[in-house]
Amino acid sequence: MSYYSEPSYFLLVIGLLISLACGTAFAATLKQIVQKWSSDRAANVKSQLRTGQLLIPFLGISAGVFLFLVSGLEIFGFTGWLSYAVAIPVTLLIGFLVWYQLGSMFALVEQKGFQSLDLDSWQ
């Protein structure tokens, strides 16, 4: 009788698929917001970041990454509680840092324009 549970390869694939699907929705929504903002400069982009239109796909990406991390750690032999103990802070930290970076990039674009994001030019 084995006391160890089998690692869930199914959840690993599901987490990856959730992240990919929500990432596609996130990219399409972000493109739509940027196109709307570039045509109408009066729109406030920072306020659109906090709406559910962009936040829900981002949370879906984070949930998929969380499932992928937990399943991957269990596949490599971590116990269930240790997998969750590692995956929760890592997912929250990475999600917060990515969201903060996205907001600061929008603030930079609002102040200096899209040229400030061009890494190929030295101005």
Protein backbone atom coordinates (compact mmCIF):
# COMPACT_ATOMS: atom_id res chain seq x y z
CA MET A 1 0.00 0.00 0.00
CA SER A 2 1.42 3.34 -1.06
CA TYR A 3 0.85 6.50 0.91
CA TYR A 4 2.06 8.74 -1.92
CA SER A 5 -0.46 10.02 -4.40
CA GLU A 6 0.26 9.93 -8.08
CA PRO A 7 1.24 13.29 -9.53
CA SER A 8 -1.37 14.80 -11.75
CA TYR A 9 -0.12 15.07 -15.32
CA PHE A 10 -3.67 15.99 -16.30
CA LEU A 11 -3.59 19.13 -14.13
CA LEU A 12 -0.22 20.05 -15.61
CA VAL A 13 -1.70 20.05 -19.12
CA ILE A 14 -4.90 21.80 -17.96
CA GLY A 15 -2.85 24.55 -16.26
CA LEU A 16 -0.84 25.06 -19.43
CA LEU A 17 -3.98 25.21 -21.60
CA ILE A 18 -5.70 27.64 -19.20
CA SER A 19 -2.66 29.92 -19.29
CA LEU A 20 -2.46 29.80 -23.08
CA ALA A 21 -6.18 30.49 -23.55
CA CYS A 22 -6.25 33.35 -21.06
CA GLY A 23 -2.98 34.70 -22.47
CA THR A 24 -4.54 34.89 -25.91
CA ALA A 25 -7.55 36.75 -24.49
CA PHE A 26 -5.22 39.05 -22.51
CA ALA A 27 -3.15 39.89 -25.61
CA ALA A 28 -6.24 40.62 -27.72
CA THR A 29 -7.74 42.82 -24.99
CA LEU A 30 -4.47 44.66 -24.46
CA LYS A 31 -4.14 45.32 -28.21
CA GLN A 32 -7.69 46.64 -28.28
CA ILE A 33 -7.05 48.99 -25.34
CA VAL A 34 -3.80 50.29 -26.85
CA GLN A 35 -5.41 50.86 -30.27
CA LYS A 36 -8.31 52.70 -28.66
CA TRP A 37 -5.94 54.77 -26.58
CA SER A 38 -3.64 55.62 -29.49
CA SER A 39 -6.59 56.86 -31.55
CA ASP A 40 -8.18 58.77 -28.63
CA ARG A 41 -5.48 60.27 -26.39
CA ALA A 42 -8.09 61.61 -23.97
CA ALA A 43 -8.81 58.12 -22.65
CA ASN A 44 -7.10 57.24 -19.40
CA VAL A 45 -5.24 53.95 -19.81
CA LYS A 46 -4.44 53.51 -16.11
CA SER A 47 -8.15 53.41 -15.28
CA GLN A 48 -8.70 50.75 -17.97
CA LEU A 49 -6.05 48.54 -16.36
CA ARG A 50 -8.15 48.13 -13.26
CA THR A 51 -11.27 47.03 -15.09
CA GLY A 52 -12.37 43.42 -15.32
CA GLN A 53 -11.85 43.54 -19.07
CA LEU A 54 -8.10 43.14 -18.58
CA LEU A 55 -7.95 41.83 -15.02
CA ILE A 56 -10.00 38.66 -15.56
CA PRO A 57 -7.73 37.21 -18.30
CA PHE A 58 -4.71 38.13 -16.19
CA LEU A 59 -6.13 36.27 -13.19
CA GLY A 60 -6.83 33.32 -15.51
CA ILE A 61 -3.18 33.30 -16.59
CA SER A 62 -2.14 33.37 -12.94
CA ALA A 63 -4.47 30.49 -12.08
CA GLY A 64 -3.11 28.42 -14.96
CA VAL A 65 0.47 29.14 -13.90
CA PHE A 66 -0.45 28.13 -10.35
CA LEU A 67 -1.89 24.79 -11.50
CA PHE A 68 1.12 24.19 -13.72
CA LEU A 69 3.55 24.96 -10.89
CA VAL A 70 1.77 22.78 -8.32
CA SER A 71 1.51 19.85 -10.72
CA GLY A 72 5.09 20.24 -11.89
CA LEU A 73 6.42 20.28 -8.35
CA GLU A 74 4.38 17.19 -7.49
CA ILE A 75 5.73 15.42 -10.57
CA PHE A 76 9.27 16.14 -9.36
CA GLY A 77 8.52 14.51 -6.03
CA PHE A 78 7.42 17.34 -3.75
CA THR A 79 4.60 16.57 -1.34
CA GLY A 80 1.22 18.16 -1.91
CA TRP A 81 1.39 20.69 0.89
CA LEU A 82 4.96 21.69 -0.01
CA SER A 83 3.97 22.15 -3.66
CA TYR A 84 1.18 24.49 -2.63
CA ALA A 85 3.44 26.27 -0.12
CA VAL A 86 5.94 27.03 -2.90
CA ALA A 87 3.48 27.72 -5.74
CA ILE A 88 1.23 30.20 -3.91
CA PRO A 89 3.89 32.80 -3.04
CA VAL A 90 5.73 32.36 -6.35
CA THR A 91 2.53 32.86 -8.36
CA LEU A 92 1.41 35.85 -6.30
CA LEU A 93 4.82 37.51 -6.47
CA ILE A 94 5.25 37.01 -10.21
CA GLY A 95 1.67 38.13 -10.88
CA PHE A 96 2.12 41.29 -8.81
CA LEU A 97 5.44 42.14 -10.47
CA VAL A 98 4.07 41.65 -13.99
CA TRP A 99 0.97 43.75 -13.22
CA TYR A 100 3.12 46.50 -11.67
CA GLN A 101 5.45 46.51 -14.70
CA LEU A 102 2.51 46.73 -17.09
CA GLY A 103 1.13 49.70 -15.17
CA SER A 104 4.50 51.47 -15.12
CA MET A 105 4.92 50.91 -18.87
CA PHE A 106 1.50 52.46 -19.50
CA ALA A 107 2.47 55.42 -17.30
CA LEU A 108 5.69 55.84 -19.29
CA VAL A 109 3.79 55.73 -22.58
CA GLU A 110 1.29 58.31 -21.28
CA GLN A 111 4.11 60.67 -20.30
CA LYS A 112 6.61 60.23 -23.15
CA GLY A 113 4.71 58.49 -25.93
CA PHE A 114 5.28 55.19 -27.69
CA GLN A 115 8.82 56.17 -28.69
CA SER A 116 9.91 55.61 -25.08
CA LEU A 117 9.32 51.86 -25.53
CA ASP A 118 11.51 51.59 -28.63
CA LEU A 119 14.65 49.84 -27.41
CA ASP A 120 16.44 50.05 -30.76
CA SER A 121 16.81 53.83 -30.80
CA TRP A 122 19.24 55.84 -28.63
CA GLN A 123 17.64 59.22 -28.09
